[in-house]
C-alpha cells in the first residue's frame, strides 16, 4: 500500500492507474483526514465478496451468543 498526495495523483495519474490495475493499493491523503483509498476493480470485487461471505458468519456467531446469554439468564 502506498500513500500519495492529491497533487501527486494529478501529476502522475497514468502511472498510478497502471500500478493500481497491477494490484497496488493507494491511500490518497486529503485535508482534514478525509482520505480516499484507490484500488483496482478486481481488488474491490474480492473485498466485497469477502465482506458478503463474512456477514452470515458474524450473524450466526451473534445469534449463538444471544442464545447462550438467554440460557444463562434462565438458569439464574
C-alpha atoms as a PDB file:
ATOM      1  CA  UNK A   1       0.000   0.000   0.000  1.00  0.00           C
ATOM      2  CA  UNK A   2       1.321   3.422  -0.936  1.00  0.00           C
ATOM      3  CA  UNK A   3       0.353   6.811   0.457  1.00  0.00           C
ATOM      4  CA  UNK A   4       0.241   9.687  -2.025  1.00  0.00           C
ATOM      5  CA  UNK A   5      -0.938  13.292  -2.055  1.00  0.00           C
ATOM      6  CA  UNK A   6      -3.703  14.618  -4.265  1.00  0.00           C
ATOM      7  CA  UNK A   7      -1.194  16.688  -6.243  1.00  0.00           C
ATOM      8  CA  UNK A   8       0.902  13.589  -6.944  1.00  0.00           C
ATOM      9  CA  UNK A   9      -2.165  11.819  -8.282  1.00  0.00           C
ATOM     10  CA  UNK A  10      -2.887  14.735 -10.580  1.00  0.00           C
ATOM     11  CA  UNK A  11       0.612  14.884 -11.998  1.00  0.00           C
ATOM     12  CA  UNK A  12       1.161  11.107 -12.309  1.00  0.00           C
ATOM     13  CA  UNK A  13      -2.344   9.771 -12.965  1.00  0.00           C
ATOM     14  CA  UNK A  14      -1.439   7.255 -15.683  1.00  0.00           C
ATOM     15  CA  UNK A  15       1.403   5.787 -13.647  1.00  0.00           C
ATOM     16  CA  UNK A  16      -0.809   5.321 -10.579  1.00  0.00           C
ATOM     17  CA  UNK A  17      -3.670   3.873 -12.644  1.00  0.00           C
ATOM     18  CA  UNK A  18      -1.283   1.331 -14.165  1.00  0.00           C
ATOM     19  CA  UNK A  19       0.035   0.392 -10.722  1.00  0.00           C
ATOM     20  CA  UNK A  20      -3.482   0.064  -9.309  1.00  0.00           C
ATOM     21  CA  UNK A  21      -4.504  -2.137 -12.243  1.00  0.00           C
ATOM     22  CA  UNK A  22      -1.496  -4.304 -11.366  1.00  0.00           C
ATOM     23  CA  UNK A  23      -2.700  -4.797  -7.796  1.00  0.00           C
ATOM     24  CA  UNK A  24      -1.213  -1.848  -5.886  1.00  0.00           C
ATOM     25  CA  UNK A  25      -3.444  -0.011  -3.413  1.00  0.00           C
ATOM     26  CA  UNK A  26      -3.095   3.699  -2.668  1.00  0.00           C
ATOM     27  CA  UNK A  27      -4.235   5.931   0.144  1.00  0.00           C
ATOM     28  CA  UNK A  28      -4.706   9.453  -1.136  1.00  0.00           C
ATOM     29  CA  UNK A  29      -4.138  11.974   1.647  1.00  0.00           C
ATOM     30  CA  UNK A  30      -6.656  14.791   1.770  1.00  0.00           C
ATOM     31  CA  UNK A  31      -7.216  17.755   4.079  1.00  0.00           C
ATOM     32  CA  UNK A  32      -8.869  17.157   7.464  1.00  0.00           C
ATOM     33  CA  UNK A  33      -8.112  13.436   7.206  1.00  0.00           C
ATOM     34  CA  UNK A  34     -10.795  12.847   4.537  1.00  0.00           C
ATOM     35  CA  UNK A  35      -8.549  10.291   2.845  1.00  0.00           C
ATOM     36  CA  UNK A  36      -9.519   8.076  -0.089  1.00  0.00           C
ATOM     37  CA  UNK A  37      -8.463   4.512  -0.919  1.00  0.00           C
ATOM     38  CA  UNK A  38      -7.656   3.848  -4.564  1.00  0.00           C
ATOM     39  CA  UNK A  39      -7.534   0.244  -5.814  1.00  0.00           C
ATOM     40  CA  UNK A  40      -8.245  -1.967  -8.808  1.00  0.00           C
ATOM     41  CA  UNK A  41     -11.714  -3.215  -9.656  1.00  0.00           C
ATOM     42  CA  UNK A  42     -10.504  -6.775  -9.108  1.00  0.00           C
ATOM     43  CA  UNK A  43      -9.298  -5.940  -5.584  1.00  0.00           C
ATOM     44  CA  UNK A  44     -12.543  -4.110  -4.862  1.00  0.00           C
ATOM     45  CA  UNK A  45     -14.643  -7.064  -6.041  1.00  0.00           C
ATOM     46  CA  UNK A  46     -12.616  -9.503  -3.924  1.00  0.00           C
ATOM     47  CA  UNK A  47     -13.074  -7.278  -0.900  1.00  0.00           C
ATOM     48  CA  UNK A  48     -16.826  -7.056  -1.465  1.00  0.00           C
ATOM     49  CA  UNK A  49     -17.086 -10.828  -1.889  1.00  0.00           C
ATOM     50  CA  UNK A  50     -15.160 -11.399   1.358  1.00  0.00           C
ATOM     51  CA  UNK A  51     -17.445  -8.961   3.179  1.00  0.00           C
ATOM     52  CA  UNK A  52     -20.563 -10.705   1.838  1.00  0.00           C
ATOM     53  CA  UNK A  53     -19.268 -14.127   2.883  1.00  0.00           C
ATOM     54  CA  UNK A  54     -18.275 -12.868   6.315  1.00  0.00           C
ATOM     55  CA  UNK A  55     -21.631 -11.301   7.141  1.00  0.00           C
ATOM     56  CA  UNK A  56     -23.586 -14.557   7.664  1.00  0.00           C
ATOM     57  CA  UNK A  57     -20.754 -15.901   9.831  1.00  0.00           C
ATOM     58  CA  UNK A  58     -20.922 -12.838  12.068  1.00  0.00           C
ATOM     59  CA  UNK A  59     -24.703 -13.048  12.288  1.00  0.00           C
ATOM     60  CA  UNK A  60     -24.504 -16.748  13.210  1.00  0.00           C
ATOM     61  CA  UNK A  61     -21.975 -16.037  15.983  1.00  0.00           C
ATOM     62  CA  UNK A  62     -24.135 -13.193  17.289  1.00  0.00           C
ATOM     63  CA  UNK A  63     -27.247 -15.414  17.403  1.00  0.00           C
ATOM     64  CA  UNK A  64     -25.276 -18.118  19.241  1.00  0.00           C
ATOM     65  CA  UNK A  65     -24.059 -15.600  21.828  1.00  0.00           C
ATOM     66  CA  UNK A  66     -27.618 -14.315  22.315  1.00  0.00           C
ATOM     67  CA  UNK A  67     -28.925 -17.879  22.879  1.00  0.00           C
ATOM     68  CA  UNK A  68     -26.150 -18.586  25.381  1.00  0.00           C
ATOM     69  CA  UNK A  69     -26.952 -15.355  27.233  1.00  0.00           C
ATOM     70  CA  UNK A  70     -30.663 -16.290  27.356  1.00  0.00           C
ATOM     71  CA  UNK A  71     -29.817 -19.760  28.705  1.00  0.00           C
ATOM     72  CA  UNK A  72     -27.584 -18.298  31.410  1.00  0.00           C
ATOM     73  CA  UNK A  73     -30.285 -15.815  32.376  1.00  0.00           C
ATOM     74  CA  UNK A  74     -32.889 -18.611  32.548  1.00  0.00           C
ATOM     75  CA  UNK A  75     -30.636 -20.667  34.836  1.00  0.00           C
ATOM     76  CA  UNK A  76     -30.133 -17.770  37.274  1.00  0.00           C
END
